[in-house]
Amino acid sequence: LTRLPYLPPHELTALLALIEIESKQQAVNVTNYLPTSQAVGELCSKQDLVINNELQRLLLIAIYFTKPINDIVNEIN
């Protein structure tokens, strides 16, 4: 897993605002939420990683785009 710098507070705030605006304009499909969060937990467990701020970008990307964590990790690497 590539180490990413912490997401600056203003970037996180902007992303959350974008997600909020978009979710009000269209229905949010939460179909992949549980599988995504479970995949994050499994991936972190397999790699002996603790879920913390260093993984926040990966989590946000996965949730926003409803992509499996493994796909995102493979695309980053």
Protein backbone atom coordinates (compact mmCIF):
# COMPACT_ATOMS: atom_id res chain seq x y z
CA LEU A 1 0.00 0.00 0.00
CA THR A 2 1.44 3.34 -1.02
CA ARG A 3 1.77 5.79 1.84
CA LEU A 4 -0.37 8.85 1.27
CA PRO A 5 0.05 12.12 3.10
CA TYR A 6 -2.68 13.19 5.48
CA LEU A 7 -5.63 14.80 3.80
CA PRO A 8 -5.51 18.48 4.76
CA PRO A 9 -8.63 19.61 6.63
CA HIS A 10 -9.71 22.01 3.86
CA GLU A 11 -9.55 19.22 1.26
CA LEU A 12 -11.55 16.86 3.44
CA THR A 13 -14.12 19.58 4.08
CA ALA A 14 -14.39 20.32 0.35
CA LEU A 15 -14.83 16.63 -0.50
CA LEU A 16 -17.50 16.16 2.15
CA ALA A 17 -19.33 19.26 0.87
CA LEU A 18 -19.20 17.88 -2.68
CA ILE A 19 -20.56 14.54 -1.50
CA GLU A 20 -23.35 16.28 0.41
CA ILE A 21 -24.34 18.43 -2.58
CA GLU A 22 -24.28 15.50 -4.97
CA SER A 23 -26.28 13.31 -2.60
CA LYS A 24 -29.01 15.96 -2.49
CA GLN A 25 -29.14 16.09 -6.29
CA GLN A 26 -29.42 12.35 -6.80
CA ALA A 27 -30.18 9.27 -4.78
CA VAL A 28 -27.14 7.77 -3.11
CA ASN A 29 -26.65 4.11 -3.88
CA VAL A 30 -25.50 2.50 -0.64
CA THR A 31 -25.42 -1.01 -2.08
CA ASN A 32 -21.64 -1.21 -1.85
CA TYR A 33 -21.25 0.48 1.53
CA LEU A 34 -21.21 -2.62 3.71
CA PRO A 35 -19.08 -4.74 1.34
CA THR A 36 -16.66 -1.82 0.98
CA SER A 37 -16.30 -1.24 4.70
CA GLN A 38 -15.90 -4.98 5.30
CA ALA A 39 -13.29 -5.19 2.54
CA VAL A 40 -11.35 -2.36 4.20
CA GLY A 41 -11.40 -4.20 7.49
CA GLU A 42 -10.30 -7.47 5.90
CA LEU A 43 -7.55 -5.81 3.88
CA CYS A 44 -6.24 -3.97 6.91
CA SER A 45 -6.36 -7.14 9.00
CA LYS A 46 -4.44 -9.13 6.37
CA GLN A 47 -1.79 -6.42 6.18
CA ASP A 48 -1.67 -5.83 9.95
CA LEU A 49 -2.73 -2.23 9.39
CA VAL A 50 -4.63 -0.12 11.84
CA ILE A 51 -7.40 1.96 10.33
CA ASN A 52 -6.36 5.55 10.97
CA ASN A 53 -6.03 8.89 9.22
CA GLU A 54 -3.47 7.52 6.77
CA LEU A 55 -6.18 5.44 5.12
CA GLN A 56 -8.77 8.21 4.91
CA ARG A 57 -8.21 9.01 1.23
CA LEU A 58 -8.56 5.39 0.25
CA LEU A 59 -11.73 5.01 2.29
CA LEU A 60 -13.27 8.17 0.88
CA ILE A 61 -12.47 7.16 -2.69
CA ALA A 62 -13.96 3.70 -2.17
CA ILE A 63 -17.13 4.98 -0.58
CA TYR A 64 -17.65 7.87 -2.98
CA PHE A 65 -17.11 5.83 -6.13
CA THR A 66 -18.56 2.63 -4.64
CA LYS A 67 -15.50 0.70 -5.75
CA PRO A 68 -14.07 -2.35 -4.01
CA ILE A 69 -11.00 -1.53 -1.94
CA ASN A 70 -8.95 -4.18 -3.77
CA ASP A 71 -9.62 -2.46 -7.10
CA ILE A 72 -8.45 0.89 -5.74
CA VAL A 73 -5.35 -0.59 -4.14
CA ASN A 74 -4.47 -2.36 -7.40
CA GLU A 75 -4.94 0.86 -9.37
CA ILE A 76 -2.75 2.83 -6.97
CA ASN A 77 0.01 0.26 -7.17
